[in-house]
Amino acid sequence: DIDEEKTKQLADKYGAKVVSPDKILQTPCDVLAPCAMGGILNTQTITALNCRAVAGGANNQLLRKEDGNLLKMRRILYAPDFVINAGGLLNVAVEIEERGYDPKVAWRHTNEIYDNLLAIYEIAAKNNISTYEAAIALAEYRLQYGIGRRIKPPVFHYACK
């Protein structure tokens, strides 16, 4: 955070260490969670990472799709951003169901993100490919066979007239 006082308060509260933005990617950690900028993972930054996994909220974390292979070569587990960030869209999809919004259905779909990640990791391991490539392959397979496709058209319950 750019607010130094707020950062200090949170660090004190949670026993965290504050590092400057130019040092954050090299800081030893278990999980790096890029949550602000896309393209943050690239040839230069990946070689400097000191983490075991990357799982963040920023969109398009990889600068190039090939950067997923570099993470694999470095043995850094990557949770593709478009998989772990799907919760918001899944919630919206439930909002436009014919029966109307049901938070239990939204939670059930959101909880499936975990299972999707496990499937991606398994595909990657079995095929010796990056988790990025595995996520794309899984998505393409589901699109090809219509898995998860909406059967009924969306209903906009609160459409303006």
C-alpha atoms as a PDB file:
ATOM      1  CA  ASP A   1       0.000   0.000   0.000  1.00  0.00           C
ATOM      2  CA  ILE A   2       1.268   3.490  -0.706  1.00  0.00           C
ATOM      3  CA  ASP A   3      -0.049   4.724   2.666  1.00  0.00           C
ATOM      4  CA  GLU A   4       3.015   4.123   4.884  1.00  0.00           C
ATOM      5  CA  GLU A   5       1.157   4.706   8.159  1.00  0.00           C
ATOM      6  CA  LYS A   6      -1.588   2.253   7.245  1.00  0.00           C
ATOM      7  CA  THR A   7       1.030  -0.276   6.137  1.00  0.00           C
ATOM      8  CA  LYS A   8       2.913   0.081   9.434  1.00  0.00           C
ATOM      9  CA  GLN A   9      -0.286  -0.364  11.469  1.00  0.00           C
ATOM     10  CA  LEU A  10      -1.224  -3.522   9.586  1.00  0.00           C
ATOM     11  CA  ALA A  11       2.298  -4.915   9.850  1.00  0.00           C
ATOM     12  CA  ASP A  12       2.251  -4.345  13.613  1.00  0.00           C
ATOM     13  CA  LYS A  13      -1.204  -5.881  13.948  1.00  0.00           C
ATOM     14  CA  TYR A  14      -0.377  -9.040  11.961  1.00  0.00           C
ATOM     15  CA  GLY A  15       3.334  -9.390  12.641  1.00  0.00           C
ATOM     16  CA  ALA A  16       4.120  -8.793   8.993  1.00  0.00           C
ATOM     17  CA  LYS A  17       7.241  -7.377   7.431  1.00  0.00           C
ATOM     18  CA  VAL A  18       6.932  -4.342   5.174  1.00  0.00           C
ATOM     19  CA  VAL A  19       9.171  -4.269   2.118  1.00  0.00           C
ATOM     20  CA  SER A  20       9.494  -1.686  -0.617  1.00  0.00           C
ATOM     21  CA  PRO A  21       7.746  -2.317  -3.941  1.00  0.00           C
ATOM     22  CA  ASP A  22      11.084  -2.810  -5.714  1.00  0.00           C
ATOM     23  CA  LYS A  23      11.956  -5.664  -3.285  1.00  0.00           C
ATOM     24  CA  ILE A  24       8.600  -7.421  -2.979  1.00  0.00           C
ATOM     25  CA  LEU A  25       9.163 -10.019  -5.701  1.00  0.00           C
ATOM     26  CA  GLN A  26      12.517 -11.119  -4.262  1.00  0.00           C
ATOM     27  CA  THR A  27      11.237 -11.365  -0.688  1.00  0.00           C
ATOM     28  CA  PRO A  28      11.196 -14.948   0.632  1.00  0.00           C
ATOM     29  CA  CYS A  29       7.642 -16.192   1.117  1.00  0.00           C
ATOM     30  CA  ASP A  30       5.515 -19.286   0.669  1.00  0.00           C
ATOM     31  CA  VAL A  31       2.857 -17.701  -1.561  1.00  0.00           C
ATOM     32  CA  LEU A  32       3.250 -14.584  -3.650  1.00  0.00           C
ATOM     33  CA  ALA A  33      -0.129 -12.956  -4.289  1.00  0.00           C
ATOM     34  CA  PRO A  34       0.105 -10.321  -7.044  1.00  0.00           C
ATOM     35  CA  CYS A  35      -3.106  -8.334  -6.717  1.00  0.00           C
ATOM     36  CA  ALA A  36      -2.564  -5.071  -8.549  1.00  0.00           C
ATOM     37  CA  MET A  37      -0.803  -5.197 -11.895  1.00  0.00           C
ATOM     38  CA  GLY A  38      -1.031  -7.488 -14.890  1.00  0.00           C
ATOM     39  CA  GLY A  39       2.111  -8.720 -16.629  1.00  0.00           C
ATOM     40  CA  ILE A  40       4.019  -8.747 -13.338  1.00  0.00           C
ATOM     41  CA  LEU A  41       5.324 -12.269 -14.038  1.00  0.00           C
ATOM     42  CA  ASN A  42       7.829 -12.179 -16.860  1.00  0.00           C
ATOM     43  CA  THR A  43      11.291 -13.435 -17.751  1.00  0.00           C
ATOM     44  CA  GLN A  44      13.029 -10.913 -15.492  1.00  0.00           C
ATOM     45  CA  THR A  45      10.755 -11.136 -12.467  1.00  0.00           C
ATOM     46  CA  ILE A  46      10.256 -14.911 -12.461  1.00  0.00           C
ATOM     47  CA  THR A  47      13.984 -15.544 -12.247  1.00  0.00           C
ATOM     48  CA  ALA A  48      14.094 -13.349  -9.118  1.00  0.00           C
ATOM     49  CA  LEU A  49      11.101 -14.911  -7.311  1.00  0.00           C
ATOM     50  CA  ASN A  50      11.755 -16.445  -3.912  1.00  0.00           C
ATOM     51  CA  CYS A  51       8.420 -18.197  -3.341  1.00  0.00           C
ATOM     52  CA  ARG A  52       6.911 -21.654  -3.597  1.00  0.00           C
ATOM     53  CA  ALA A  53       3.617 -20.629  -5.227  1.00  0.00           C
ATOM     54  CA  VAL A  54       1.935 -17.741  -7.006  1.00  0.00           C
ATOM     55  CA  ALA A  55      -1.789 -17.177  -6.424  1.00  0.00           C
ATOM     56  CA  GLY A  56      -3.037 -13.631  -6.734  1.00  0.00           C
ATOM     57  CA  GLY A  57      -6.011 -11.498  -7.627  1.00  0.00           C
ATOM     58  CA  ALA A  58      -4.475  -9.466 -10.462  1.00  0.00           C
ATOM     59  CA  ASN A  59      -5.679 -10.265 -13.962  1.00  0.00           C
ATOM     60  CA  ASN A  60      -3.229 -11.415 -16.628  1.00  0.00           C
ATOM     61  CA  GLN A  61      -0.343 -11.950 -14.243  1.00  0.00           C
ATOM     62  CA  LEU A  62       1.768 -13.623 -16.916  1.00  0.00           C
ATOM     63  CA  LEU A  63       3.228 -11.188 -19.421  1.00  0.00           C
ATOM     64  CA  ARG A  64       3.417 -13.976 -22.009  1.00  0.00           C
ATOM     65  CA  LYS A  65       1.899 -17.458 -21.965  1.00  0.00           C
ATOM     66  CA  GLU A  66       5.433 -18.883 -22.135  1.00  0.00           C
ATOM     67  CA  ASP A  67       6.081 -17.412 -18.695  1.00  0.00           C
ATOM     68  CA  GLY A  68       3.968 -20.252 -17.287  1.00  0.00           C
ATOM     69  CA  ASN A  69       6.686 -22.640 -18.480  1.00  0.00           C
ATOM     70  CA  LEU A  70       9.355 -20.602 -16.714  1.00  0.00           C
ATOM     71  CA  LEU A  71       7.395 -20.878 -13.444  1.00  0.00           C
ATOM     72  CA  LYS A  72       7.181 -24.639 -14.019  1.00  0.00           C
ATOM     73  CA  MET A  73      10.918 -24.879 -14.647  1.00  0.00           C
ATOM     74  CA  ARG A  74      11.541 -22.973 -11.409  1.00  0.00           C
ATOM     75  CA  ARG A  75       9.180 -25.412  -9.639  1.00  0.00           C
ATOM     76  CA  ILE A  76       6.898 -22.568  -8.543  1.00  0.00           C
ATOM     77  CA  LEU A  77       3.265 -23.665  -8.366  1.00  0.00           C
ATOM     78  CA  TYR A  78       1.068 -21.239 -10.305  1.00  0.00           C
ATOM     79  CA  ALA A  79      -2.661 -20.869  -9.726  1.00  0.00           C
ATOM     80  CA  PRO A  80      -3.839 -19.284 -13.002  1.00  0.00           C
ATOM     81  CA  ASP A  81      -5.504 -15.969 -12.256  1.00  0.00           C
ATOM     82  CA  PHE A  82      -8.472 -16.602 -14.531  1.00  0.00           C
ATOM     83  CA  VAL A  83      -9.258 -19.733 -12.506  1.00  0.00           C
ATOM     84  CA  ILE A  84      -8.912 -18.455  -8.953  1.00  0.00           C
ATOM     85  CA  ASN A  85     -10.579 -15.136  -9.790  1.00  0.00           C
ATOM     86  CA  ALA A  86     -13.733 -16.750 -11.184  1.00  0.00           C
ATOM     87  CA  GLY A  87     -15.819 -16.267  -8.028  1.00  0.00           C
ATOM     88  CA  GLY A  88     -17.195 -12.874  -8.997  1.00  0.00           C
ATOM     89  CA  LEU A  89     -18.346 -14.062 -12.403  1.00  0.00           C
ATOM     90  CA  LEU A  90     -19.790 -17.236 -10.946  1.00  0.00           C
ATOM     91  CA  ASN A  91     -21.812 -15.120  -8.517  1.00  0.00           C
ATOM     92  CA  VAL A  92     -23.101 -12.911 -11.355  1.00  0.00           C
ATOM     93  CA  ALA A  93     -24.045 -16.008 -13.364  1.00  0.00           C
ATOM     94  CA  VAL A  94     -26.269 -17.138 -10.497  1.00  0.00           C
ATOM     95  CA  GLU A  95     -27.890 -13.691 -10.344  1.00  0.00           C
ATOM     96  CA  ILE A  96     -29.266 -14.159 -13.862  1.00  0.00           C
ATOM     97  CA  GLU A  97     -30.611 -17.681 -13.366  1.00  0.00           C
ATOM     98  CA  GLU A  98     -34.312 -18.114 -14.125  1.00  0.00           C
ATOM     99  CA  ARG A  99     -35.144 -18.893 -10.485  1.00  0.00           C
ATOM    100  CA  GLY A 100     -33.313 -15.800  -9.246  1.00  0.00           C
ATOM    101  CA  TYR A 101     -30.322 -15.400  -6.998  1.00  0.00           C
ATOM    102  CA  ASP A 102     -29.575 -18.118  -4.477  1.00  0.00           C
ATOM    103  CA  PRO A 103     -26.467 -17.510  -2.336  1.00  0.00           C
ATOM    104  CA  LYS A 104     -26.136 -21.240  -1.595  1.00  0.00           C
ATOM    105  CA  VAL A 105     -25.850 -21.978  -5.325  1.00  0.00           C
ATOM    106  CA  ALA A 106     -23.315 -19.163  -5.720  1.00  0.00           C
ATOM    107  CA  TRP A 107     -21.237 -20.554  -2.834  1.00  0.00           C
ATOM    108  CA  ARG A 108     -21.403 -24.079  -4.270  1.00  0.00           C
ATOM    109  CA  HIS A 109     -20.115 -22.885  -7.652  1.00  0.00           C
ATOM    110  CA  THR A 110     -17.433 -20.728  -6.051  1.00  0.00           C
ATOM    111  CA  ASN A 111     -16.258 -23.643  -3.913  1.00  0.00           C
ATOM    112  CA  GLU A 112     -15.745 -25.652  -7.133  1.00  0.00           C
ATOM    113  CA  ILE A 113     -12.782 -23.395  -7.938  1.00  0.00           C
ATOM    114  CA  TYR A 114     -10.734 -25.534  -5.546  1.00  0.00           C
ATOM    115  CA  ASP A 115     -11.661 -28.709  -7.430  1.00  0.00           C
ATOM    116  CA  ASN A 116     -10.848 -27.029 -10.742  1.00  0.00           C
ATOM    117  CA  LEU A 117      -7.397 -26.120  -9.447  1.00  0.00           C
ATOM    118  CA  LEU A 118      -6.789 -29.696  -8.351  1.00  0.00           C
ATOM    119  CA  ALA A 119      -7.819 -30.925 -11.806  1.00  0.00           C
ATOM    120  CA  ILE A 120      -5.480 -28.400 -13.436  1.00  0.00           C
ATOM    121  CA  TYR A 121      -2.575 -29.469 -11.241  1.00  0.00           C
ATOM    122  CA  GLU A 122      -3.247 -33.117 -12.065  1.00  0.00           C
ATOM    123  CA  ILE A 123      -3.422 -32.419 -15.829  1.00  0.00           C
ATOM    124  CA  ALA A 124      -0.187 -30.445 -15.624  1.00  0.00           C
ATOM    125  CA  ALA A 125       1.632 -33.189 -13.725  1.00  0.00           C
ATOM    126  CA  LYS A 126       0.391 -36.043 -15.932  1.00  0.00           C
ATOM    127  CA  ASN A 127       1.249 -34.208 -19.152  1.00  0.00           C
ATOM    128  CA  ASN A 128       4.423 -32.466 -17.941  1.00  0.00           C
ATOM    129  CA  ILE A 129       3.040 -29.051 -18.896  1.00  0.00           C
ATOM    130  CA  SER A 130       2.660 -25.783 -17.029  1.00  0.00           C
ATOM    131  CA  THR A 131      -0.425 -25.150 -14.941  1.00  0.00           C
ATOM    132  CA  TYR A 132      -1.245 -22.280 -17.315  1.00  0.00           C
ATOM    133  CA  GLU A 133      -1.247 -24.682 -20.272  1.00  0.00           C
ATOM    134  CA  ALA A 134      -3.277 -27.206 -18.279  1.00  0.00           C
ATOM    135  CA  ALA A 135      -5.899 -24.565 -17.413  1.00  0.00           C
ATOM    136  CA  ILE A 136      -6.199 -23.549 -21.067  1.00  0.00           C
ATOM    137  CA  ALA A 137      -6.470 -27.216 -22.137  1.00  0.00           C
ATOM    138  CA  LEU A 138      -9.202 -27.866 -19.568  1.00  0.00           C
ATOM    139  CA  ALA A 139     -11.129 -24.764 -20.656  1.00  0.00           C
ATOM    140  CA  GLU A 140     -10.858 -25.721 -24.336  1.00  0.00           C
ATOM    141  CA  TYR A 141     -12.046 -29.259 -23.574  1.00  0.00           C
ATOM    142  CA  ARG A 142     -15.068 -27.970 -21.660  1.00  0.00           C
ATOM    143  CA  LEU A 143     -15.911 -25.528 -24.442  1.00  0.00           C
ATOM    144  CA  GLN A 144     -15.570 -28.210 -27.113  1.00  0.00           C
ATOM    145  CA  TYR A 145     -17.944 -30.569 -25.309  1.00  0.00           C
ATOM    146  CA  GLY A 146     -20.279 -27.933 -23.847  1.00  0.00           C
ATOM    147  CA  ILE A 147     -19.461 -28.855 -20.257  1.00  0.00           C
ATOM    148  CA  GLY A 148     -20.968 -26.259 -17.937  1.00  0.00           C
ATOM    149  CA  ARG A 149     -22.752 -24.499 -20.805  1.00  0.00           C
ATOM    150  CA  ARG A 150     -25.834 -22.504 -19.898  1.00  0.00           C
ATOM    151  CA  ILE A 151     -28.924 -24.356 -21.113  1.00  0.00           C
ATOM    152  CA  LYS A 152     -31.551 -21.700 -20.487  1.00  0.00           C
ATOM    153  CA  PRO A 153     -30.997 -18.076 -21.500  1.00  0.00           C
ATOM    154  CA  PRO A 154     -30.150 -15.558 -18.774  1.00  0.00           C
ATOM    155  CA  VAL A 155     -32.964 -13.689 -17.065  1.00  0.00           C
ATOM    156  CA  PHE A 156     -32.408 -10.065 -16.148  1.00  0.00           C
ATOM    157  CA  HIS A 157     -34.752  -9.741 -13.197  1.00  0.00           C
ATOM    158  CA  TYR A 158     -34.150  -6.052 -12.623  1.00  0.00           C
ATOM    159  CA  ALA A 159     -33.898  -4.836 -16.211  1.00  0.00           C
ATOM    160  CA  CYS A 160     -34.723  -1.185 -16.762  1.00  0.00           C
ATOM    161  CA  LYS A 161     -37.854  -0.583 -18.802  1.00  0.00           C
END
